[in-house]
């Protein structure tokens, strides 16, 4: 039995205020951020992390992450933006990359922890579980915008799009990644209650997300490229390899300390 996902059912614009269109994508991202705040509030005190510190961190981290997501995207699309400089700051036409956001967020967290004298790995573990849930929510913005989809397919689960008047059936990569991120979230949620060492939760996040993103990226038609290489796939492999080594090293070290 085939399950075909129809597109165009939800308009890109949710509503208009004073002549400014408010997009569903922006609403989804804002909702994800609010859920992140709720998560931080509910788990206040876990790993000795204070919610007030997280709130203060977010004031700097969120805009920096968004800016870095844009810089990352523009850098790998410079063949276009180099000739259209005026569009670099036009966020409303899309063009952000999650890996850029993660890089900006991690750097901001490291600087913040250094200033506030907070253990970096404890704060990263504290925040890690909610990140894949927020990503899972945000990916539905791609569905509404009819973007970030995959190659044509005849798989039982596929998405219907219309390109230049031609109906096509493609991989719903937004759905694959959303479901994959939900699985990562539930694994981290369960693990975070009884972590074995500092950094365990965030290591598993990067390992899980890198694995999901590697396979999903291979199906997409709009990948950021470095020559003939899909940038996100290479970065995913690096993250998966590095975090796996660190994770199993720490597991082994923890077991020896318990003997």
Protein backbone atom coordinates (compact mmCIF):
# COMPACT_ATOMS: atom_id res chain seq x y z
CA UNK A 1 0.00 0.00 0.00
CA UNK A 2 1.44 3.33 -1.08
CA UNK A 3 1.42 6.42 1.13
CA UNK A 4 1.72 9.59 -0.93
CA UNK A 5 2.36 12.90 0.83
CA UNK A 6 0.60 15.77 -0.90
CA UNK A 7 2.23 19.20 -0.96
CA UNK A 8 0.77 22.67 -1.24
CA UNK A 9 -1.95 21.91 1.32
CA UNK A 10 -0.61 24.56 3.72
CA UNK A 11 0.29 28.02 2.38
CA UNK A 12 3.81 29.26 3.10
CA UNK A 13 2.44 32.39 4.78
CA UNK A 14 0.58 31.84 8.05
CA UNK A 15 -0.71 35.42 8.35
CA UNK A 16 0.26 39.01 7.65
CA UNK A 17 0.90 41.79 10.19
CA UNK A 18 1.27 45.40 9.03
CA UNK A 19 2.04 44.18 5.54
CA UNK A 20 4.72 41.75 6.68
CA UNK A 21 4.20 38.07 5.87
CA UNK A 22 4.77 35.71 8.80
CA UNK A 23 5.86 32.32 7.48
CA UNK A 24 4.98 28.97 8.99
CA UNK A 25 8.68 28.08 8.96
CA UNK A 26 9.40 30.98 11.31
CA UNK A 27 6.52 29.93 13.56
CA UNK A 28 7.84 26.35 13.73
CA UNK A 29 11.36 27.51 14.59
CA UNK A 30 10.04 29.90 17.24
CA UNK A 31 7.90 27.09 18.70
CA UNK A 32 10.95 24.83 18.83
CA UNK A 33 12.90 27.50 20.70
CA UNK A 34 10.08 27.93 23.22
CA UNK A 35 9.98 24.16 23.77
CA UNK A 36 13.73 24.35 24.38
CA UNK A 37 13.18 26.94 27.09
CA UNK A 38 10.50 24.74 28.67
CA UNK A 39 12.86 21.75 28.63
CA UNK A 40 15.58 23.80 30.32
CA UNK A 41 13.12 25.06 32.96
CA UNK A 42 11.74 21.60 33.76
CA UNK A 43 15.25 20.12 34.10
CA UNK A 44 16.66 23.03 36.08
CA UNK A 45 19.52 21.80 38.28
CA UNK A 46 20.37 18.67 36.28
CA UNK A 47 24.15 18.20 36.07
CA UNK A 48 24.37 21.32 38.32
CA UNK A 49 23.23 23.53 35.44
CA UNK A 50 21.03 26.50 36.35
CA UNK A 51 18.14 27.58 34.12
CA UNK A 52 19.03 31.26 34.59
CA UNK A 53 22.45 30.58 33.06
CA UNK A 54 20.82 28.80 30.12
CA UNK A 55 18.43 31.69 29.56
CA UNK A 56 21.30 34.19 29.61
CA UNK A 57 23.28 31.97 27.23
CA UNK A 58 20.35 31.81 24.80
CA UNK A 59 20.29 35.61 24.42
CA UNK A 60 23.67 35.34 22.70
CA UNK A 61 23.56 31.81 21.33
CA UNK A 62 20.34 31.96 19.30
CA UNK A 63 21.21 35.00 17.13
CA UNK A 64 24.82 33.81 16.75
CA UNK A 65 23.63 30.36 15.67
CA UNK A 66 21.27 31.88 13.08
CA UNK A 67 24.01 34.15 11.72
CA UNK A 68 26.47 31.24 11.52
CA UNK A 69 23.84 29.10 9.79
CA UNK A 70 23.53 31.81 7.15
CA UNK A 71 27.30 32.32 6.80
CA UNK A 72 27.80 28.58 6.36
CA UNK A 73 25.13 28.42 3.65
CA UNK A 74 26.36 31.50 1.80
CA UNK A 75 29.98 30.28 1.91
CA UNK A 76 29.10 27.07 0.08
CA UNK A 77 26.80 28.90 -2.34
CA UNK A 78 29.30 31.65 -3.10
CA UNK A 79 29.10 30.99 -6.83
CA UNK A 80 25.63 32.53 -6.58
CA UNK A 81 25.95 35.03 -3.72
CA UNK A 82 29.25 36.37 -5.02
CA UNK A 83 27.25 37.85 -7.91
CA UNK A 84 24.23 38.74 -5.75
CA UNK A 85 25.76 40.40 -2.69
CA UNK A 86 22.54 42.26 -1.89
CA UNK A 87 20.79 38.94 -1.18
CA UNK A 88 23.22 37.74 1.49
CA UNK A 89 21.21 39.40 4.27
CA UNK A 90 17.86 38.38 2.81
CA UNK A 91 16.97 35.60 5.26
CA UNK A 92 13.33 35.60 4.18
CA UNK A 93 14.14 33.83 0.93
CA UNK A 94 15.66 30.90 2.83
CA UNK A 95 19.19 29.64 2.96
CA UNK A 96 20.40 28.49 6.37
CA UNK A 97 22.31 25.34 7.29
CA UNK A 98 21.91 23.42 10.55
CA UNK A 99 25.58 22.49 10.74
CA UNK A 100 26.49 26.17 10.63
CA UNK A 101 24.04 26.79 13.47
CA UNK A 102 25.54 23.95 15.54
CA UNK A 103 29.06 25.26 15.03
CA UNK A 104 28.03 28.76 16.12
CA UNK A 105 26.12 27.40 19.11
CA UNK A 106 28.96 25.18 20.35
CA UNK A 107 31.54 27.98 20.06
CA UNK A 108 29.20 30.34 21.95
CA UNK A 109 28.66 27.73 24.67
CA UNK A 110 32.41 27.20 25.08
CA UNK A 111 33.05 30.94 25.46
CA UNK A 112 30.09 31.36 27.82
CA UNK A 113 31.22 28.46 30.01
CA UNK A 114 34.73 29.85 30.17
CA UNK A 115 33.43 33.21 31.37
CA UNK A 116 30.86 31.78 33.82
CA UNK A 117 33.16 28.95 34.99
CA UNK A 118 30.64 26.26 34.03
CA UNK A 119 31.70 22.78 32.94
CA UNK A 120 31.29 22.73 29.17
CA UNK A 121 30.42 19.04 28.83
CA UNK A 122 27.79 19.27 31.58
CA UNK A 123 26.07 22.16 29.82
CA UNK A 124 26.27 20.41 26.44
CA UNK A 125 24.77 17.24 27.99
CA UNK A 126 22.03 19.35 29.55
CA UNK A 127 21.05 20.89 26.22
CA UNK A 128 21.68 17.92 23.90
CA UNK A 129 18.38 15.99 24.29
CA UNK A 130 16.18 18.88 23.24
CA UNK A 131 18.14 19.73 20.08
CA UNK A 132 16.95 16.78 17.94
CA UNK A 133 13.35 17.40 19.03
CA UNK A 134 13.64 21.03 17.91
CA UNK A 135 15.19 19.87 14.64
CA UNK A 136 12.36 17.38 14.11
CA UNK A 137 9.83 20.21 14.49
CA UNK A 138 11.72 22.62 12.25
CA UNK A 139 11.99 20.12 9.37
CA UNK A 140 8.24 20.42 8.77
CA UNK A 141 8.93 23.93 7.57
CA UNK A 142 10.68 22.30 4.58
CA UNK A 143 7.48 20.40 3.83
CA UNK A 144 5.37 23.56 3.90
CA UNK A 145 7.89 25.41 1.70
CA UNK A 146 8.20 22.37 -0.61
CA UNK A 147 11.99 22.36 -0.36
CA UNK A 148 14.88 20.14 0.73
CA UNK A 149 13.24 17.12 -0.84
CA UNK A 150 14.96 14.13 -2.41
CA UNK A 151 15.37 12.48 -5.78
CA UNK A 152 12.52 10.83 -7.64
CA UNK A 153 11.41 7.50 -6.22
CA UNK A 154 8.78 4.77 -6.44
CA UNK A 155 9.10 3.84 -2.77
CA UNK A 156 5.80 3.14 -0.97
CA UNK A 157 6.25 6.37 1.00
CA UNK A 158 6.86 9.28 -1.33
CA UNK A 159 6.01 12.94 -1.75
CA UNK A 160 4.16 14.48 -4.69
CA UNK A 161 5.52 17.74 -6.09
CA UNK A 162 4.88 19.71 -9.26
CA UNK A 163 7.89 21.12 -11.11
CA UNK A 164 7.26 23.26 -14.18
CA UNK A 165 3.83 21.71 -14.59
CA UNK A 166 5.14 18.14 -14.30
CA UNK A 167 4.05 15.94 -11.38
CA UNK A 168 6.91 14.06 -9.74
CA UNK A 169 7.20 11.70 -6.79
CA UNK A 170 10.25 12.24 -4.62
CA UNK A 171 11.80 11.11 -1.36
CA UNK A 172 10.23 13.09 1.55
CA UNK A 173 13.63 13.70 3.11
CA UNK A 174 12.12 16.20 5.54
CA UNK A 175 10.08 13.31 6.97
CA UNK A 176 13.04 10.91 7.10
CA UNK A 177 15.12 13.41 9.04
CA UNK A 178 12.24 14.46 11.29
CA UNK A 179 11.54 10.85 12.28
CA UNK A 180 15.26 10.12 12.66
CA UNK A 181 15.65 13.12 14.97
CA UNK A 182 12.67 11.98 17.05
CA UNK A 183 14.34 8.59 17.54
CA UNK A 184 17.56 10.34 18.61
CA UNK A 185 15.55 12.52 21.01
CA UNK A 186 13.88 9.55 22.74
CA UNK A 187 17.22 7.73 23.09
CA UNK A 188 18.86 10.80 24.63
CA UNK A 189 15.84 11.49 26.84
CA UNK A 190 16.11 8.04 28.37
CA UNK A 191 19.89 8.10 28.63
CA UNK A 192 20.10 11.60 30.12
CA UNK A 193 18.42 10.40 33.30
CA UNK A 194 21.36 8.16 34.13
CA UNK A 195 24.44 9.24 32.21
CA UNK A 196 27.72 7.46 32.98
CA UNK A 197 30.14 10.33 32.33
CA UNK A 198 30.22 14.01 31.36
CA UNK A 199 29.87 14.39 27.62
CA UNK A 200 28.05 11.09 27.08
CA UNK A 201 24.73 12.65 26.05
CA UNK A 202 26.15 15.21 23.63
CA UNK A 203 28.45 12.60 22.08
CA UNK A 204 25.48 10.36 21.39
CA UNK A 205 23.58 13.30 19.94
CA UNK A 206 26.30 14.07 17.42
CA UNK A 207 26.73 10.38 16.60
CA UNK A 208 22.99 9.87 16.12
CA UNK A 209 22.37 13.03 14.14
CA UNK A 210 25.46 12.51 11.98
CA UNK A 211 24.23 9.03 11.07
CA UNK A 212 20.74 10.28 10.21
CA UNK A 213 22.02 13.25 8.23
CA UNK A 214 24.58 11.21 6.27
CA UNK A 215 21.95 8.92 4.78
CA UNK A 216 19.30 11.62 4.29
CA UNK A 217 21.79 13.95 2.62
CA UNK A 218 22.59 11.29 0.06
CA UNK A 219 18.98 11.46 -1.17
CA UNK A 220 18.62 15.25 -1.34
CA UNK A 221 18.80 17.28 -4.53
CA UNK A 222 19.86 20.60 -2.97
CA UNK A 223 22.99 19.61 -1.04
CA UNK A 224 25.71 22.17 -0.39
CA UNK A 225 28.68 21.00 -2.45
CA UNK A 226 32.45 21.31 -2.30
CA UNK A 227 33.32 20.31 -5.82
CA UNK A 228 31.63 16.94 -6.25
CA UNK A 229 31.46 16.24 -2.50
CA UNK A 230 28.35 16.74 -0.38
CA UNK A 231 29.62 18.91 2.48
CA UNK A 232 27.11 17.67 5.05
CA UNK A 233 28.01 14.04 4.37
CA UNK A 234 31.71 14.67 4.92
CA UNK A 235 31.05 16.64 8.10
CA UNK A 236 28.68 13.90 9.30
CA UNK A 237 31.36 11.24 8.81
CA UNK A 238 33.94 13.33 10.68
CA UNK A 239 31.53 13.89 13.57
CA UNK A 240 30.50 10.23 13.68
CA UNK A 241 34.10 9.03 13.67
CA UNK A 242 35.43 11.55 16.21
CA UNK A 243 32.53 11.24 18.65
CA UNK A 244 32.51 7.43 18.43
CA UNK A 245 36.20 7.28 19.38
CA UNK A 246 35.65 9.71 22.27
CA UNK A 247 32.50 7.92 23.43
CA UNK A 248 33.96 4.42 23.57
CA UNK A 249 37.20 5.70 25.09
CA UNK A 250 35.24 7.36 27.90
CA UNK A 251 33.05 4.26 28.38
CA UNK A 252 36.15 2.09 28.71
CA UNK A 253 37.80 4.54 31.09
CA UNK A 254 34.67 4.74 33.24
CA UNK A 255 34.49 0.95 33.52
CA UNK A 256 38.13 0.74 34.61
CA UNK A 257 37.54 3.39 37.28
CA UNK A 258 34.69 1.28 38.69
CA UNK A 259 36.83 -1.85 38.99
